[in-house]
C-alpha atoms as a PDB file:
ATOM      1  CA  UNK A   1    -181.931 -81.815 -20.718  1.00  0.00           C
ATOM      2  CA  UNK A   2    -180.413 -81.566 -17.029  1.00  0.00           C
ATOM      3  CA  UNK A   3    -177.043 -82.949 -16.218  1.00  0.00           C
ATOM      4  CA  UNK A   4    -177.225 -85.121 -12.886  1.00  0.00           C
ATOM      5  CA  UNK A   5    -175.067 -84.284  -9.883  1.00  0.00           C
ATOM      6  CA  UNK A   6    -173.389 -87.272 -10.893  1.00  0.00           C
ATOM      7  CA  UNK A   7    -172.371 -85.983 -13.824  1.00  0.00           C
ATOM      8  CA  UNK A   8    -171.205 -82.413 -12.705  1.00  0.00           C
ATOM      9  CA  UNK A   9    -168.660 -84.031 -10.605  1.00  0.00           C
ATOM     10  CA  UNK A  10    -167.055 -86.810 -12.980  1.00  0.00           C
ATOM     11  CA  UNK A  11    -166.691 -83.264 -15.217  1.00  0.00           C
ATOM     12  CA  UNK A  12    -165.578 -81.116 -12.942  1.00  0.00           C
ATOM     13  CA  UNK A  13    -162.824 -84.359 -11.708  1.00  0.00           C
ATOM     14  CA  UNK A  14    -162.056 -84.630 -15.295  1.00  0.00           C
ATOM     15  CA  UNK A  15    -161.698 -80.521 -15.850  1.00  0.00           C
ATOM     16  CA  UNK A  16    -158.888 -80.629 -12.529  1.00  0.00           C
ATOM     17  CA  UNK A  17    -156.762 -83.859 -13.748  1.00  0.00           C
ATOM     18  CA  UNK A  18    -153.548 -83.438 -16.220  1.00  0.00           C
ATOM     19  CA  UNK A  19    -153.603 -85.076 -19.417  1.00  0.00           C
ATOM     20  CA  UNK A  20    -149.919 -85.287 -19.209  1.00  0.00           C
ATOM     21  CA  UNK A  21    -147.528 -87.411 -17.251  1.00  0.00           C
ATOM     22  CA  UNK A  22    -147.576 -87.062 -12.919  1.00  0.00           C
ATOM     23  CA  UNK A  23    -145.470 -85.817 -11.311  1.00  0.00           C
ATOM     24  CA  UNK A  24    -144.051 -86.595  -7.796  1.00  0.00           C
ATOM     25  CA  UNK A  25    -142.583 -84.131  -4.856  1.00  0.00           C
ATOM     26  CA  UNK A  26    -141.148 -85.959  -2.084  1.00  0.00           C
ATOM     27  CA  UNK A  27    -140.514 -84.101   0.934  1.00  0.00           C
ATOM     28  CA  UNK A  28    -137.991 -85.360   3.659  1.00  0.00           C
ATOM     29  CA  UNK A  29    -135.584 -85.397   6.301  1.00  0.00           C
ATOM     30  CA  UNK A  30    -131.904 -85.556   5.830  1.00  0.00           C
ATOM     31  CA  UNK A  31    -129.715 -87.673   8.024  1.00  0.00           C
ATOM     32  CA  UNK A  32    -127.095 -85.872   9.474  1.00  0.00           C
ATOM     33  CA  UNK A  33    -123.300 -86.270   8.577  1.00  0.00           C
ATOM     34  CA  UNK A  34    -122.439 -86.297  12.294  1.00  0.00           C
ATOM     35  CA  UNK A  35    -124.837 -86.538  15.257  1.00  0.00           C
ATOM     36  CA  UNK A  36    -123.639 -84.576  18.218  1.00  0.00           C
ATOM     37  CA  UNK A  37    -125.063 -84.787  21.661  1.00  0.00           C
ATOM     38  CA  UNK A  38    -125.855 -81.519  23.306  1.00  0.00           C
ATOM     39  CA  UNK A  39    -123.570 -81.898  26.613  1.00  0.00           C
ATOM     40  CA  UNK A  40    -120.967 -81.711  23.990  1.00  0.00           C
ATOM     41  CA  UNK A  41    -122.424 -79.558  21.214  1.00  0.00           C
ATOM     42  CA  UNK A  42    -119.897 -76.710  22.892  1.00  0.00           C
ATOM     43  CA  UNK A  43    -117.127 -78.104  22.774  1.00  0.00           C
ATOM     44  CA  UNK A  44    -117.912 -79.445  18.614  1.00  0.00           C
ATOM     45  CA  UNK A  45    -119.558 -76.418  17.994  1.00  0.00           C
ATOM     46  CA  UNK A  46    -115.917 -73.740  18.991  1.00  0.00           C
ATOM     47  CA  UNK A  47    -114.053 -76.307  17.068  1.00  0.00           C
ATOM     48  CA  UNK A  48    -115.508 -75.715  14.206  1.00  0.00           C
ATOM     49  CA  UNK A  49    -115.878 -72.811  14.288  1.00  0.00           C
ATOM     50  CA  UNK A  50    -112.146 -72.274  15.108  1.00  0.00           C
ATOM     51  CA  UNK A  51    -113.002 -70.298  18.379  1.00  0.00           C
ATOM     52  CA  UNK A  52    -111.979 -72.512  20.670  1.00  0.00           C
ATOM     53  CA  UNK A  53    -109.123 -69.777  22.214  1.00  0.00           C
ATOM     54  CA  UNK A  54    -112.705 -67.880  23.369  1.00  0.00           C
ATOM     55  CA  UNK A  55    -112.610 -69.604  26.647  1.00  0.00           C
ATOM     56  CA  UNK A  56    -114.818 -67.184  28.252  1.00  0.00           C
ATOM     57  CA  UNK A  57    -117.384 -67.159  25.894  1.00  0.00           C
ATOM     58  CA  UNK A  58    -117.392 -71.152  25.539  1.00  0.00           C
ATOM     59  CA  UNK A  59    -118.224 -71.882  29.053  1.00  0.00           C
ATOM     60  CA  UNK A  60    -121.227 -69.118  28.972  1.00  0.00           C
ATOM     61  CA  UNK A  61    -122.486 -71.824  26.120  1.00  0.00           C
ATOM     62  CA  UNK A  62    -122.151 -75.188  28.531  1.00  0.00           C
ATOM     63  CA  UNK A  63    -124.459 -73.734  30.599  1.00  0.00           C
ATOM     64  CA  UNK A  64    -126.542 -72.175  28.217  1.00  0.00           C
ATOM     65  CA  UNK A  65    -126.568 -75.643  26.828  1.00  0.00           C
ATOM     66  CA  UNK A  66    -126.675 -76.732  29.965  1.00  0.00           C
ATOM     67  CA  UNK A  67    -129.955 -75.425  31.116  1.00  0.00           C
ATOM     68  CA  UNK A  68    -131.354 -75.925  28.038  1.00  0.00           C
ATOM     69  CA  UNK A  69    -131.149 -80.507  28.260  1.00  0.00           C
ATOM     70  CA  UNK A  70    -134.567 -80.343  27.705  1.00  0.00           C
ATOM     71  CA  UNK A  71    -134.490 -78.573  24.716  1.00  0.00           C
ATOM     72  CA  UNK A  72    -134.407 -80.448  21.479  1.00  0.00           C
ATOM     73  CA  UNK A  73    -132.686 -77.770  19.221  1.00  0.00           C
ATOM     74  CA  UNK A  74    -130.704 -75.098  20.475  1.00  0.00           C
ATOM     75  CA  UNK A  75    -130.600 -72.425  17.877  1.00  0.00           C
ATOM     76  CA  UNK A  76    -127.154 -69.965  17.687  1.00  0.00           C
ATOM     77  CA  UNK A  77    -127.722 -66.451  16.298  1.00  0.00           C
ATOM     78  CA  UNK A  78    -124.462 -63.880  15.923  1.00  0.00           C
END
């Protein structure tokens, strides 16, 4: 006797399902403990990294932040 397409689909779905308990993996975003505006970020960054003595670099970084004000993310790589 030939199997119907409905029966074939039912068998495939049954084979793809697990018999045990289900597990859910949730992916989300975390809220940062400190939220710093982009205008204040250069001062914050140099204070946190204990680099406040590098005033010339800090001024350059402030200029970069002003140039990229429309960007939401500014990444720094050393």
